[in-house]
Amino acid sequence: MRPWLAMLSVVLGSTLSVGCADESLDPSPSAEVVSFAQGASSLRPIRSLELVLSYGDEVEFFRLEYGPPQDCPAGCFFDSIVGVRSSTNLGWLHPRLDEVADADYFDVRETDSVLWTEELWAELESTDQGVFWSGLMPTLAADPSTDREALLRIAERIETFITPHVGWELLENPSVESDREILTRLSQLPVYQGDTYEPIRSKASELLDGLAG
């Protein structure tokens, strides 16, 4: 175990969950991630900190379990939240799905361009589809600092992976509200059973009509 991770175990003490405390993460989250997790005062008590994916030295996706045990003694689980480190930029992902008071959510910067490379997307999706679709995709879709071509690629991806939440994040992004190409893709989303995309198509068409006026 790395020295700083051992120190984390000492600091957290009995707050680590049974079954997780003895597990050795290889590789482990960086010291920056550990410090960030320790500083999350609203996410207490900390139960475990897991590295989901490291992408070179620049990017880490990580998961924190916290809070009181739930559904015990049937199995016991904890609330969890996923974060990302992009160079020196750290924060928690998907705030609208897992909003926690006073939590430090990830603010996308133009310098975070590695987060919208196809190579990283492919690796993260194959590693943890939940973190990809419920964490990274809605976070990028909602932020106007995300590269415009990346926003278009997200609109194209949800044509085959049904996720209305990401579609709504795109529609509420100021960068998308006036982008005819992206709005057109959203207005033409496929009709699947239950047609969960119908309100998204309608809203995108409404925005397109406004651009035409």
N, C-alpha and C. Protein backbone atom coordinates (compact mmCIF):
# COMPACT_ATOMS: atom_id res chain seq x y z
N MET A 1 0.85 -1.19 0.00
CA MET A 1 0.00 0.00 0.00
C MET A 1 0.88 1.24 0.00
N ARG A 2 0.54 2.24 -0.80
CA ARG A 2 1.32 3.46 -0.85
C ARG A 2 1.23 4.20 0.48
N PRO A 3 2.32 4.92 0.88
CA PRO A 3 2.33 5.58 2.19
C PRO A 3 1.18 6.53 2.40
N TRP A 4 0.84 7.33 1.34
CA TRP A 4 -0.24 8.30 1.54
C TRP A 4 -1.60 7.62 1.65
N LEU A 5 -1.76 6.42 1.00
CA LEU A 5 -3.02 5.70 1.12
C LEU A 5 -3.15 5.09 2.51
N ALA A 6 -2.02 4.64 3.04
CA ALA A 6 -2.03 4.13 4.41
C ALA A 6 -2.41 5.24 5.37
N MET A 7 -1.91 6.45 5.12
CA MET A 7 -2.25 7.59 5.96
C MET A 7 -3.74 7.88 5.88
N LEU A 8 -4.32 7.76 4.66
CA LEU A 8 -5.76 7.97 4.51
C LEU A 8 -6.53 6.96 5.35
N SER A 9 -6.08 5.70 5.36
CA SER A 9 -6.77 4.68 6.14
C SER A 9 -6.73 5.01 7.62
N VAL A 10 -5.60 5.55 8.08
CA VAL A 10 -5.48 5.91 9.48
C VAL A 10 -6.42 7.06 9.82
N VAL A 11 -6.46 8.06 8.90
CA VAL A 11 -7.31 9.23 9.13
C VAL A 11 -8.78 8.84 9.15
N LEU A 12 -9.16 7.98 8.20
CA LEU A 12 -10.56 7.60 8.12
C LEU A 12 -10.93 6.59 9.21
N GLY A 13 -9.98 5.78 9.60
CA GLY A 13 -10.20 4.81 10.69
C GLY A 13 -11.39 3.94 10.43
N SER A 14 -12.30 3.90 11.42
CA SER A 14 -13.42 2.97 11.38
C SER A 14 -14.48 3.38 10.39
N THR A 15 -14.33 4.55 9.71
CA THR A 15 -15.35 4.96 8.75
C THR A 15 -15.29 4.15 7.47
N LEU A 16 -14.17 3.45 7.21
CA LEU A 16 -14.09 2.63 6.02
C LEU A 16 -15.00 1.43 6.15
N SER A 17 -15.67 1.08 5.04
CA SER A 17 -16.65 0.01 5.09
C SER A 17 -15.97 -1.35 5.23
N VAL A 18 -16.64 -2.24 5.92
CA VAL A 18 -16.16 -3.61 6.04
C VAL A 18 -16.16 -4.23 4.65
N GLY A 19 -15.09 -4.88 4.29
CA GLY A 19 -14.99 -5.48 2.96
C GLY A 19 -14.24 -4.58 2.01
N CYS A 20 -14.24 -3.27 2.26
CA CYS A 20 -13.51 -2.35 1.41
C CYS A 20 -12.18 -1.96 2.04
N ALA A 21 -12.14 -1.95 3.37
CA ALA A 21 -10.95 -1.45 4.06
C ALA A 21 -9.72 -2.29 3.77
N ASP A 22 -9.91 -3.59 3.54
CA ASP A 22 -8.77 -4.47 3.35
C ASP A 22 -8.40 -4.62 1.88
N GLU A 23 -9.15 -4.02 1.00
CA GLU A 23 -8.86 -4.17 -0.41
C GLU A 23 -7.71 -3.24 -0.80
N SER A 24 -6.80 -3.73 -1.61
CA SER A 24 -5.68 -2.92 -2.09
C SER A 24 -5.97 -2.49 -3.52
N LEU A 25 -6.07 -1.18 -3.73
CA LEU A 25 -6.34 -0.66 -5.06
C LEU A 25 -5.05 -0.59 -5.85
N ASP A 26 -5.05 -1.10 -7.06
CA ASP A 26 -3.85 -1.10 -7.88
C ASP A 26 -4.24 -0.78 -9.32
N PRO A 27 -3.98 0.42 -9.81
CA PRO A 27 -3.34 1.52 -9.10
C PRO A 27 -4.32 2.22 -8.15
N SER A 28 -3.79 3.07 -7.30
CA SER A 28 -4.60 3.78 -6.31
C SER A 28 -4.86 5.20 -6.78
N PRO A 29 -5.88 5.86 -6.22
CA PRO A 29 -6.10 7.26 -6.55
C PRO A 29 -4.89 8.10 -6.15
N SER A 30 -4.66 9.18 -6.87
CA SER A 30 -3.52 10.04 -6.59
C SER A 30 -3.71 10.78 -5.27
N ALA A 31 -2.62 11.35 -4.77
CA ALA A 31 -2.67 12.13 -3.54
C ALA A 31 -3.62 13.32 -3.69
N GLU A 32 -3.68 13.90 -4.89
CA GLU A 32 -4.58 15.04 -5.13
C GLU A 32 -6.04 14.62 -4.96
N VAL A 33 -6.38 13.43 -5.48
CA VAL A 33 -7.75 12.93 -5.36
C VAL A 33 -8.09 12.63 -3.91
N VAL A 34 -7.16 12.01 -3.19
CA VAL A 34 -7.39 11.68 -1.79
C VAL A 34 -7.63 12.96 -0.99
N SER A 35 -6.81 13.97 -1.23
CA SER A 35 -6.96 15.24 -0.52
C SER A 35 -8.30 15.89 -0.84
N PHE A 36 -8.70 15.82 -2.11
CA PHE A 36 -9.98 16.38 -2.52
C PHE A 36 -11.14 15.67 -1.83
N ALA A 37 -11.07 14.33 -1.77
CA ALA A 37 -12.13 13.56 -1.13
C ALA A 37 -12.21 13.85 0.36
N GLN A 38 -11.05 13.99 0.99
CA GLN A 38 -11.02 14.29 2.42
C GLN A 38 -11.63 15.66 2.72
N GLY A 39 -11.54 16.57 1.76
CA GLY A 39 -12.06 17.92 1.97
C GLY A 39 -13.54 18.05 1.72
N ALA A 40 -14.21 16.98 1.31
CA ALA A 40 -15.65 17.03 1.01
C ALA A 40 -16.44 16.89 2.31
N SER A 41 -16.64 17.99 3.01
CA SER A 41 -17.26 17.94 4.33
C SER A 41 -18.70 17.45 4.32
N SER A 42 -19.40 17.61 3.18
CA SER A 42 -20.79 17.18 3.12
C SER A 42 -20.94 15.70 2.78
N LEU A 43 -19.83 15.03 2.47
CA LEU A 43 -19.86 13.61 2.10
C LEU A 43 -19.23 12.79 3.22
N ARG A 44 -19.94 12.66 4.30
CA ARG A 44 -19.42 12.01 5.49
C ARG A 44 -20.43 11.02 6.07
N PRO A 45 -19.98 9.96 6.74
CA PRO A 45 -18.58 9.55 6.82
C PRO A 45 -18.13 8.88 5.53
N ILE A 46 -16.86 9.01 5.21
CA ILE A 46 -16.30 8.36 4.02
C ILE A 46 -16.21 6.85 4.27
N ARG A 47 -16.70 6.09 3.32
CA ARG A 47 -16.67 4.62 3.43
C ARG A 47 -15.58 3.99 2.58
N SER A 48 -15.43 4.47 1.35
CA SER A 48 -14.38 3.94 0.48
C SER A 48 -14.10 4.93 -0.63
N LEU A 49 -12.90 4.87 -1.17
CA LEU A 49 -12.50 5.70 -2.30
C LEU A 49 -11.86 4.78 -3.33
N GLU A 50 -12.45 4.73 -4.50
CA GLU A 50 -12.04 3.76 -5.54
C GLU A 50 -11.63 4.49 -6.80
N LEU A 51 -10.51 4.10 -7.38
CA LEU A 51 -10.11 4.60 -8.68
C LEU A 51 -10.84 3.81 -9.76
N VAL A 52 -11.62 4.49 -10.59
CA VAL A 52 -12.36 3.84 -11.67
C VAL A 52 -11.48 3.69 -12.90
N LEU A 53 -10.78 4.78 -13.27
CA LEU A 53 -9.93 4.76 -14.47
C LEU A 53 -8.90 5.87 -14.37
N SER A 54 -7.66 5.54 -14.69
CA SER A 54 -6.65 6.58 -14.89
C SER A 54 -6.30 6.59 -16.37
N TYR A 55 -6.18 7.79 -16.91
CA TYR A 55 -5.88 7.95 -18.34
C TYR A 55 -4.59 8.75 -18.43
N GLY A 56 -3.48 8.03 -18.55
CA GLY A 56 -2.18 8.68 -18.48
C GLY A 56 -1.99 9.29 -17.10
N ASP A 57 -1.24 10.37 -17.05
CA ASP A 57 -1.04 11.08 -15.78
C ASP A 57 -2.02 12.23 -15.62
N GLU A 58 -2.83 12.45 -16.64
CA GLU A 58 -3.62 13.68 -16.69
C GLU A 58 -5.03 13.54 -16.13
N VAL A 59 -5.63 12.36 -16.26
CA VAL A 59 -7.04 12.21 -15.92
C VAL A 59 -7.24 11.01 -15.00
N GLU A 60 -8.09 11.21 -13.98
CA GLU A 60 -8.53 10.12 -13.11
C GLU A 60 -10.03 10.25 -12.89
N PHE A 61 -10.73 9.13 -13.03
CA PHE A 61 -12.13 9.05 -12.62
C PHE A 61 -12.16 8.21 -11.33
N PHE A 62 -12.91 8.67 -10.33
CA PHE A 62 -12.91 8.00 -9.04
C PHE A 62 -14.32 8.00 -8.45
N ARG A 63 -14.56 7.04 -7.55
CA ARG A 63 -15.87 6.90 -6.92
C ARG A 63 -15.70 6.92 -5.40
N LEU A 64 -16.53 7.72 -4.75
CA LEU A 64 -16.52 7.81 -3.29
C LEU A 64 -17.83 7.27 -2.74
N GLU A 65 -17.75 6.35 -1.78
CA GLU A 65 -18.93 5.90 -1.05
C GLU A 65 -18.93 6.58 0.30
N TYR A 66 -20.12 7.02 0.74
CA TYR A 66 -20.18 7.81 1.96
C TYR A 66 -21.54 7.64 2.64
N GLY A 67 -21.64 8.15 3.86
CA GLY A 67 -22.92 8.19 4.56
C GLY A 67 -23.22 6.96 5.37
N PRO A 68 -24.39 6.94 6.02
CA PRO A 68 -24.78 5.80 6.85
C PRO A 68 -25.13 4.59 6.00
N PRO A 69 -24.96 3.39 6.52
CA PRO A 69 -25.32 2.18 5.77
C PRO A 69 -26.82 2.12 5.55
N GLN A 70 -27.21 1.58 4.40
CA GLN A 70 -28.62 1.48 4.04
C GLN A 70 -28.99 0.03 3.74
N ASP A 71 -30.26 -0.30 3.97
CA ASP A 71 -30.78 -1.64 3.69
C ASP A 71 -30.02 -2.73 4.43
N CYS A 72 -29.65 -2.44 5.67
CA CYS A 72 -29.00 -3.47 6.50
C CYS A 72 -30.08 -4.16 7.35
N PRO A 73 -29.93 -5.43 7.70
CA PRO A 73 -28.76 -6.28 7.42
C PRO A 73 -28.84 -7.03 6.10
N ALA A 74 -29.80 -6.67 5.22
CA ALA A 74 -29.96 -7.41 3.97
C ALA A 74 -28.70 -7.38 3.12
N GLY A 75 -27.93 -6.32 3.18
CA GLY A 75 -26.72 -6.28 2.37
C GLY A 75 -25.84 -5.09 2.67
N CYS A 76 -26.44 -4.00 3.07
CA CYS A 76 -25.73 -2.76 3.38
C CYS A 76 -25.07 -2.15 2.14
N PHE A 77 -25.55 -0.98 1.75
CA PHE A 77 -24.89 -0.22 0.71
C PHE A 77 -24.86 1.23 1.15
N PHE A 78 -24.10 2.04 0.41
CA PHE A 78 -23.91 3.43 0.78
C PHE A 78 -24.17 4.34 -0.41
N ASP A 79 -24.47 5.59 -0.12
CA ASP A 79 -24.54 6.56 -1.19
C ASP A 79 -23.18 6.66 -1.85
N SER A 80 -23.18 7.02 -3.14
CA SER A 80 -21.90 7.16 -3.84
C SER A 80 -21.96 8.34 -4.80
N ILE A 81 -20.81 8.86 -5.11
CA ILE A 81 -20.69 9.96 -6.05
C ILE A 81 -19.39 9.77 -6.81
N VAL A 82 -19.38 10.19 -8.07
CA VAL A 82 -18.23 9.99 -8.95
C VAL A 82 -17.59 11.34 -9.26
N GLY A 83 -16.26 11.34 -9.28
CA GLY A 83 -15.55 12.57 -9.59
C GLY A 83 -14.51 12.36 -10.67
N VAL A 84 -13.90 13.47 -11.09
CA VAL A 84 -12.86 13.41 -12.10
C VAL A 84 -11.78 14.42 -11.76
N ARG A 85 -10.55 14.03 -12.04
CA ARG A 85 -9.43 14.97 -12.03
C ARG A 85 -8.91 15.11 -13.44
N SER A 86 -8.90 16.33 -13.95
CA SER A 86 -8.31 16.63 -15.25
C SER A 86 -7.19 17.63 -15.00
N SER A 87 -5.96 17.11 -14.97
CA SER A 87 -4.81 17.91 -14.58
C SER A 87 -5.04 18.43 -13.16
N THR A 88 -5.12 19.74 -12.98
CA THR A 88 -5.34 20.30 -11.64
C THR A 88 -6.81 20.63 -11.38
N ASN A 89 -7.69 20.33 -12.33
CA ASN A 89 -9.11 20.62 -12.19
C ASN A 89 -9.82 19.39 -11.63
N LEU A 90 -10.40 19.51 -10.43
CA LEU A 90 -11.08 18.39 -9.79
C LEU A 90 -12.52 18.76 -9.46
N GLY A 91 -13.40 17.77 -9.49
CA GLY A 91 -14.77 18.01 -9.07
C GLY A 91 -15.62 16.75 -9.22
N TRP A 92 -16.84 16.82 -8.68
CA TRP A 92 -17.79 15.71 -8.75
C TRP A 92 -18.62 15.83 -10.01
N LEU A 93 -18.96 14.69 -10.60
CA LEU A 93 -19.72 14.66 -11.85
C LEU A 93 -21.22 14.55 -11.62
N HIS A 94 -21.97 14.72 -12.69
CA HIS A 94 -23.44 14.61 -12.76
C HIS A 94 -24.16 15.24 -11.57
N PRO A 95 -24.05 16.54 -11.36
CA PRO A 95 -24.69 17.17 -10.20
C PRO A 95 -26.20 17.06 -10.17
N ARG A 96 -26.85 17.02 -11.32
CA ARG A 96 -28.31 17.00 -11.30
C ARG A 96 -28.86 15.65 -10.89
N LEU A 97 -28.08 14.60 -11.06
CA LEU A 97 -28.54 13.28 -10.65
C LEU A 97 -28.24 13.02 -9.17
N ASP A 98 -27.12 13.55 -8.71
CA ASP A 98 -26.69 13.27 -7.35
C ASP A 98 -26.30 14.58 -6.65
N GLU A 99 -27.20 15.53 -6.64
CA GLU A 99 -26.86 16.82 -6.07
C GLU A 99 -26.71 16.72 -4.56
N VAL A 100 -25.58 17.19 -4.08
CA VAL A 100 -25.27 17.18 -2.65
C VAL A 100 -24.93 18.60 -2.24
N ALA A 101 -25.55 19.08 -1.19
CA ALA A 101 -25.31 20.44 -0.74
C ALA A 101 -23.83 20.66 -0.44
N ASP A 102 -23.31 21.77 -0.92
CA ASP A 102 -21.94 22.19 -0.64
C ASP A 102 -20.88 21.32 -1.31
N ALA A 103 -21.26 20.39 -2.17
CA ALA A 103 -20.27 19.57 -2.86
C ALA A 103 -19.62 20.41 -3.97
N ASP A 104 -18.37 20.12 -4.25
CA ASP A 104 -17.60 20.87 -5.25
C ASP A 104 -17.72 20.15 -6.59
N TYR A 105 -18.65 20.61 -7.43
CA TYR A 105 -18.89 19.93 -8.70
C TYR A 105 -17.92 20.39 -9.77
N PHE A 106 -17.70 19.51 -10.75
CA PHE A 106 -16.69 19.75 -11.78
C PHE A 106 -17.14 20.84 -12.73
N ASP A 107 -16.29 21.83 -12.91
CA ASP A 107 -16.55 22.94 -13.83
C ASP A 107 -15.65 22.75 -15.04
N VAL A 108 -16.25 22.40 -16.17
CA VAL A 108 -15.48 22.13 -17.39
C VAL A 108 -14.77 23.40 -17.84
N ARG A 109 -13.50 23.24 -18.21
CA ARG A 109 -12.72 24.34 -18.76
C ARG A 109 -12.30 24.00 -20.17
N GLU A 110 -12.02 25.01 -20.96
CA GLU A 110 -11.58 24.76 -22.33
C GLU A 110 -10.28 23.96 -22.36
N THR A 111 -9.49 24.07 -21.29
CA THR A 111 -8.23 23.34 -21.23
C THR A 111 -8.41 21.85 -20.91
N ASP A 112 -9.66 21.44 -20.63
CA ASP A 112 -9.94 20.03 -20.32
C ASP A 112 -10.22 19.22 -21.59
N SER A 113 -9.58 19.59 -22.67
CA SER A 113 -9.90 18.98 -23.97
C SER A 113 -9.69 17.47 -24.01
N VAL A 114 -8.83 16.93 -23.15
CA VAL A 114 -8.64 15.48 -23.13
C VAL A 114 -9.94 14.77 -22.79
N LEU A 115 -10.84 15.44 -22.07
CA LEU A 115 -12.10 14.80 -21.66
C LEU A 115 -13.06 14.57 -22.82
N TRP A 116 -12.83 15.19 -23.96
CA TRP A 116 -13.72 14.92 -25.09
C TRP A 116 -12.99 14.29 -26.27
N THR A 117 -11.89 13.58 -25.99
CA THR A 117 -11.24 12.80 -27.04
C THR A 117 -11.95 11.45 -27.19
N GLU A 118 -12.01 10.96 -28.39
CA GLU A 118 -12.66 9.67 -28.64
C GLU A 118 -11.94 8.54 -27.91
N GLU A 119 -10.61 8.66 -27.80
CA GLU A 119 -9.84 7.61 -27.14
C GLU A 119 -10.25 7.47 -25.67
N LEU A 120 -10.37 8.59 -24.97
CA LEU A 120 -10.78 8.53 -23.57
C LEU A 120 -12.22 8.04 -23.46
N TRP A 121 -13.11 8.53 -24.32
CA TRP A 121 -14.50 8.08 -24.28
C TRP A 121 -14.59 6.57 -24.42
N ALA A 122 -13.86 6.03 -25.39
CA ALA A 122 -13.92 4.58 -25.64
C ALA A 122 -13.41 3.80 -24.43
N GLU A 123 -12.32 4.29 -23.82
CA GLU A 123 -11.75 3.56 -22.68
C GLU A 123 -12.67 3.63 -21.47
N LEU A 124 -13.23 4.81 -21.20
CA LEU A 124 -14.11 4.94 -20.04
C LEU A 124 -15.39 4.14 -20.23
N GLU A 125 -15.97 4.19 -21.41
CA GLU A 125 -17.23 3.47 -21.65
C GLU A 125 -17.02 1.96 -21.50
N SER A 126 -15.88 1.47 -21.96
CA SER A 126 -15.62 0.03 -21.84
C SER A 126 -15.26 -0.36 -20.41
N THR A 127 -14.75 0.60 -19.62
CA THR A 127 -14.38 0.33 -18.24
C THR A 127 -15.57 0.40 -17.30
N ASP A 128 -16.37 1.46 -17.44
CA ASP A 128 -17.52 1.67 -16.55
C ASP A 128 -18.57 2.47 -17.30
N GLN A 129 -19.53 1.77 -17.88
CA GLN A 129 -20.56 2.42 -18.69
C GLN A 129 -21.40 3.39 -17.87
N GLY A 130 -21.61 3.07 -16.59
CA GLY A 130 -22.40 3.96 -15.75
C GLY A 130 -21.72 5.30 -15.54
N VAL A 131 -20.41 5.28 -15.26
CA VAL A 131 -19.67 6.53 -15.08
C VAL A 131 -19.66 7.33 -16.37
N PHE A 132 -19.55 6.64 -17.49
CA PHE A 132 -19.52 7.32 -18.79
C PHE A 132 -20.84 8.02 -19.08
N TRP A 133 -21.96 7.27 -19.00
CA TRP A 133 -23.25 7.80 -19.42
C TRP A 133 -23.96 8.61 -18.34
N SER A 134 -23.75 8.30 -17.08
CA SER A 134 -24.42 9.03 -16.01
C SER A 134 -23.51 10.07 -15.36
N GLY A 135 -22.22 10.06 -15.73
CA GLY A 135 -21.29 11.00 -15.14
C GLY A 135 -20.69 11.95 -16.15
N LEU A 136 -19.82 11.43 -17.01
CA LEU A 136 -19.10 12.30 -17.94
C LEU A 136 -20.00 12.91 -18.99
N MET A 137 -20.86 12.11 -19.63
CA MET A 137 -21.66 12.64 -20.73
C MET A 137 -22.60 13.79 -20.31
N PRO A 138 -23.39 13.65 -19.24
CA PRO A 138 -24.24 14.78 -18.85
C PRO A 138 -23.44 15.99 -18.38
N THR A 139 -22.28 15.76 -17.77
CA THR A 139 -21.45 16.89 -17.32
C THR A 139 -20.95 17.68 -18.51
N LEU A 140 -20.44 17.00 -19.52
CA LEU A 140 -19.97 17.69 -20.72
C LEU A 140 -21.13 18.32 -21.48
N ALA A 141 -22.24 17.59 -21.58
CA ALA A 141 -23.39 18.09 -22.34
C ALA A 141 -23.95 19.38 -21.77
N ALA A 142 -23.84 19.56 -20.46
CA ALA A 142 -24.45 20.72 -19.81
C ALA A 142 -23.57 21.95 -19.80
N ASP A 143 -22.28 21.79 -20.07
CA ASP A 143 -21.35 22.89 -19.85
C ASP A 143 -21.01 23.62 -21.16
N PRO A 144 -21.20 24.94 -21.21
CA PRO A 144 -20.90 25.70 -22.43
C PRO A 144 -19.43 25.75 -22.77
N SER A 145 -18.55 25.36 -21.84
CA SER A 145 -17.11 25.34 -22.14
C SER A 145 -16.69 24.09 -22.90
N THR A 146 -17.58 23.10 -22.98
CA THR A 146 -17.27 21.90 -23.75
C THR A 146 -17.16 22.23 -25.22
N ASP A 147 -16.18 21.65 -25.88
CA ASP A 147 -15.95 21.88 -27.30
C ASP A 147 -17.22 21.60 -28.12
N ARG A 148 -17.48 22.45 -29.07
CA ARG A 148 -18.71 22.35 -29.87
C ARG A 148 -18.79 21.02 -30.62
N GLU A 149 -17.67 20.56 -31.18
CA GLU A 149 -17.68 19.28 -31.88
C GLU A 149 -17.97 18.13 -30.94
N ALA A 150 -17.53 18.24 -29.70
CA ALA A 150 -17.83 17.20 -28.71
C ALA A 150 -19.32 17.18 -28.40
N LEU A 151 -19.94 18.36 -28.31
CA LEU A 151 -21.39 18.42 -28.07
C LEU A 151 -22.15 17.77 -29.22
N LEU A 152 -21.70 17.99 -30.44
CA LEU A 152 -22.33 17.37 -31.60
C LEU A 152 -22.17 15.85 -31.53
N ARG A 153 -21.00 15.37 -31.15
CA ARG A 153 -20.79 13.93 -31.05
C ARG A 153 -21.65 13.31 -29.97
N ILE A 154 -21.89 14.04 -28.89
CA ILE A 154 -22.79 13.53 -27.85
C ILE A 154 -24.20 13.40 -28.40
N ALA A 155 -24.66 14.41 -29.16
CA ALA A 155 -25.99 14.35 -29.77
C ALA A 155 -26.10 13.15 -30.71
N GLU A 156 -25.04 12.84 -31.41
CA GLU A 156 -25.05 11.69 -32.32
C GLU A 156 -25.06 10.38 -31.53
N ARG A 157 -24.33 10.33 -30.44
CA ARG A 157 -24.25 9.10 -29.66
C ARG A 157 -25.58 8.71 -29.02
N ILE A 158 -26.37 9.69 -28.60
CA ILE A 158 -27.63 9.34 -27.92
C ILE A 158 -28.69 8.87 -28.92
N GLU A 159 -28.35 8.84 -30.19
CA GLU A 159 -29.27 8.26 -31.17
C GLU A 159 -29.35 6.74 -30.98
N THR A 160 -28.28 6.15 -30.50
CA THR A 160 -28.25 4.68 -30.36
C THR A 160 -28.19 4.22 -28.91
N PHE A 161 -27.84 5.12 -27.98
CA PHE A 161 -27.86 4.79 -26.56
C PHE A 161 -28.91 5.70 -25.93
N ILE A 162 -30.04 5.13 -25.52
CA ILE A 162 -31.19 5.93 -25.09
C ILE A 162 -30.92 6.54 -23.72
N THR A 163 -30.77 7.85 -23.67
CA THR A 163 -30.54 8.54 -22.42
C THR A 163 -31.11 9.95 -22.50
N PRO A 164 -32.41 10.10 -22.23
CA PRO A 164 -33.06 11.41 -22.30
C PRO A 164 -32.40 12.46 -21.43
N HIS A 165 -31.84 12.03 -20.29
CA HIS A 165 -31.20 13.00 -19.39
C HIS A 165 -30.10 13.78 -20.11
N VAL A 166 -29.29 13.09 -20.88
CA VAL A 166 -28.20 13.75 -21.60
C VAL A 166 -28.78 14.68 -22.67
N GLY A 167 -29.87 14.25 -23.31
CA GLY A 167 -30.52 15.10 -24.30
C GLY A 167 -31.00 16.42 -23.71
N TRP A 168 -31.59 16.35 -22.52
CA TRP A 168 -32.06 17.57 -21.86
C TRP A 168 -30.90 18.46 -21.45
N GLU A 169 -29.81 17.86 -21.01
CA GLU A 169 -28.64 18.66 -20.66
C GLU A 169 -28.13 19.42 -21.89
N LEU A 170 -28.14 18.78 -23.03
CA LEU A 170 -27.74 19.47 -24.26
C LEU A 170 -28.67 20.63 -24.58
N LEU A 171 -29.96 20.40 -24.48
CA LEU A 171 -30.93 21.45 -24.82
C LEU A 171 -30.83 22.66 -23.89
N GLU A 172 -30.41 22.44 -22.66
CA GLU A 172 -30.31 23.55 -21.71
C GLU A 172 -28.92 24.20 -21.71
N ASN A 173 -28.04 23.72 -22.56
CA ASN A 173 -26.72 24.31 -22.70
C ASN A 173 -26.83 25.54 -23.61
N PRO A 174 -26.43 26.72 -23.13
CA PRO A 174 -26.53 27.93 -23.96
C PRO A 174 -25.82 27.81 -25.30
N SER A 175 -24.76 27.01 -25.36
CA SER A 175 -24.03 26.85 -26.61
C SER A 175 -24.83 26.07 -27.65
N VAL A 176 -25.78 25.26 -27.18
CA VAL A 176 -26.58 24.43 -28.08
C VAL A 176 -27.84 25.14 -28.53
N GLU A 177 -28.36 26.03 -27.72
CA GLU A 177 -29.65 26.67 -27.99
C GLU A 177 -29.67 27.42 -29.32
N SER A 178 -28.48 27.82 -29.81
CA SER A 178 -28.43 28.55 -31.08
C SER A 178 -27.62 27.80 -32.14
N ASP A 179 -27.36 26.52 -31.90
CA ASP A 179 -26.57 25.72 -32.84
C ASP A 179 -27.51 24.89 -33.71
N ARG A 180 -27.67 25.31 -34.94
CA ARG A 180 -28.66 24.68 -35.83
C ARG A 180 -28.36 23.20 -36.07
N GLU A 181 -27.09 22.85 -36.26
CA GLU A 181 -26.76 21.45 -36.58
C GLU A 181 -27.06 20.53 -35.41
N ILE A 182 -26.68 20.93 -34.20
CA ILE A 182 -26.93 20.08 -33.04
C ILE A 182 -28.43 19.99 -32.77
N LEU A 183 -29.13 21.11 -32.86
CA LEU A 183 -30.58 21.10 -32.65
C LEU A 183 -31.29 20.21 -33.67
N THR A 184 -30.79 20.23 -34.89
CA THR A 184 -31.39 19.39 -35.93
C THR A 184 -31.23 17.92 -35.58
N ARG A 185 -30.04 17.54 -35.10
CA ARG A 185 -29.83 16.15 -34.70
C ARG A 185 -30.78 15.77 -33.57
N LEU A 186 -30.96 16.68 -32.62
CA LEU A 186 -31.85 16.39 -31.50
C LEU A 186 -33.31 16.34 -31.94
N SER A 187 -33.67 17.14 -32.92
CA SER A 187 -35.06 17.13 -33.40
C SER A 187 -35.38 15.89 -34.21
N GLN A 188 -34.34 15.15 -34.61
CA GLN A 188 -34.53 13.95 -35.41
C GLN A 188 -34.15 12.67 -34.65
N LEU A 189 -34.11 12.75 -33.33
CA LEU A 189 -33.80 11.55 -32.54
C LEU A 189 -34.80 10.44 -32.84
N PRO A 190 -34.37 9.19 -32.86
CA PRO A 190 -35.25 8.08 -33.24
C PRO A 190 -36.43 7.90 -32.28
N VAL A 191 -37.45 7.25 -32.78
CA VAL A 191 -38.62 6.89 -31.98
C VAL A 191 -38.42 5.46 -31.50
N TYR A 192 -38.25 5.30 -30.20
CA TYR A 192 -38.12 3.99 -29.59
C TYR A 192 -39.40 3.67 -28.83
N GLN A 193 -39.52 2.43 -28.38
CA GLN A 193 -40.70 2.04 -27.61
C GLN A 193 -40.86 2.96 -26.40
N GLY A 194 -42.05 3.52 -26.26
CA GLY A 194 -42.30 4.48 -25.19
C GLY A 194 -41.99 5.91 -25.62
N ASP A 195 -41.18 6.06 -26.66
CA ASP A 195 -40.82 7.36 -27.25
C ASP A 195 -40.42 8.39 -26.18
N THR A 196 -39.40 8.05 -25.40
CA THR A 196 -38.93 8.98 -24.38
C THR A 196 -38.27 10.22 -24.98
N TYR A 197 -37.93 10.16 -26.27
CA TYR A 197 -37.30 11.31 -26.90
C TYR A 197 -38.30 12.32 -27.47
N GLU A 198 -39.59 12.03 -27.40
CA GLU A 198 -40.58 12.91 -28.02
C GLU A 198 -40.51 14.35 -27.49
N PRO A 199 -40.46 14.58 -26.16
CA PRO A 199 -40.38 15.97 -25.69
C PRO A 199 -39.07 16.65 -26.07
N ILE A 200 -38.00 15.88 -26.21
CA ILE A 200 -36.71 16.46 -26.62
C ILE A 200 -36.78 16.88 -28.08
N ARG A 201 -37.36 16.04 -28.92
CA ARG A 201 -37.52 16.42 -30.33
C ARG A 201 -38.37 17.68 -30.46
N SER A 202 -39.44 17.74 -29.67
CA SER A 202 -40.34 18.90 -29.73
C SER A 202 -39.64 20.18 -29.30
N LYS A 203 -38.87 20.10 -28.20
CA LYS A 203 -38.16 21.28 -27.73
C LYS A 203 -37.09 21.72 -28.72
N ALA A 204 -36.37 20.76 -29.29
CA ALA A 204 -35.34 21.09 -30.28
C ALA A 204 -35.97 21.74 -31.50
N SER A 205 -37.12 21.22 -31.94
CA SER A 205 -37.83 21.81 -33.09
C SER A 205 -38.30 23.23 -32.78
N GLU A 206 -38.74 23.44 -31.56
CA GLU A 206 -39.19 24.77 -31.14
C GLU A 206 -38.02 25.77 -31.18
N LEU A 207 -36.86 25.33 -30.71
CA LEU A 207 -35.68 26.20 -30.75
C LEU A 207 -35.25 26.48 -32.18
N LEU A 208 -35.36 25.46 -33.03
CA LEU A 208 -35.03 25.66 -34.45
C LEU A 208 -35.97 26.67 -35.09
N ASP A 209 -37.25 26.58 -34.78
CA ASP A 209 -38.22 27.54 -35.32
C ASP A 209 -37.87 28.96 -34.89
N GLY A 210 -37.39 29.09 -33.65
CA GLY A 210 -36.98 30.41 -33.17
C GLY A 210 -35.80 30.97 -33.92
N LEU A 211 -34.87 30.08 -34.32
CA LEU A 211 -33.72 30.53 -35.11
C LEU A 211 -34.16 30.97 -36.49
N ALA A 212 -35.14 30.27 -37.04
CA ALA A 212 -35.63 30.61 -38.38
C ALA A 212 -36.28 31.98 -38.39
N GLY A 213 -36.92 32.35 -37.25
CA GLY A 213 -37.59 33.64 -37.16
C GLY A 213 -36.59 34.77 -37.05
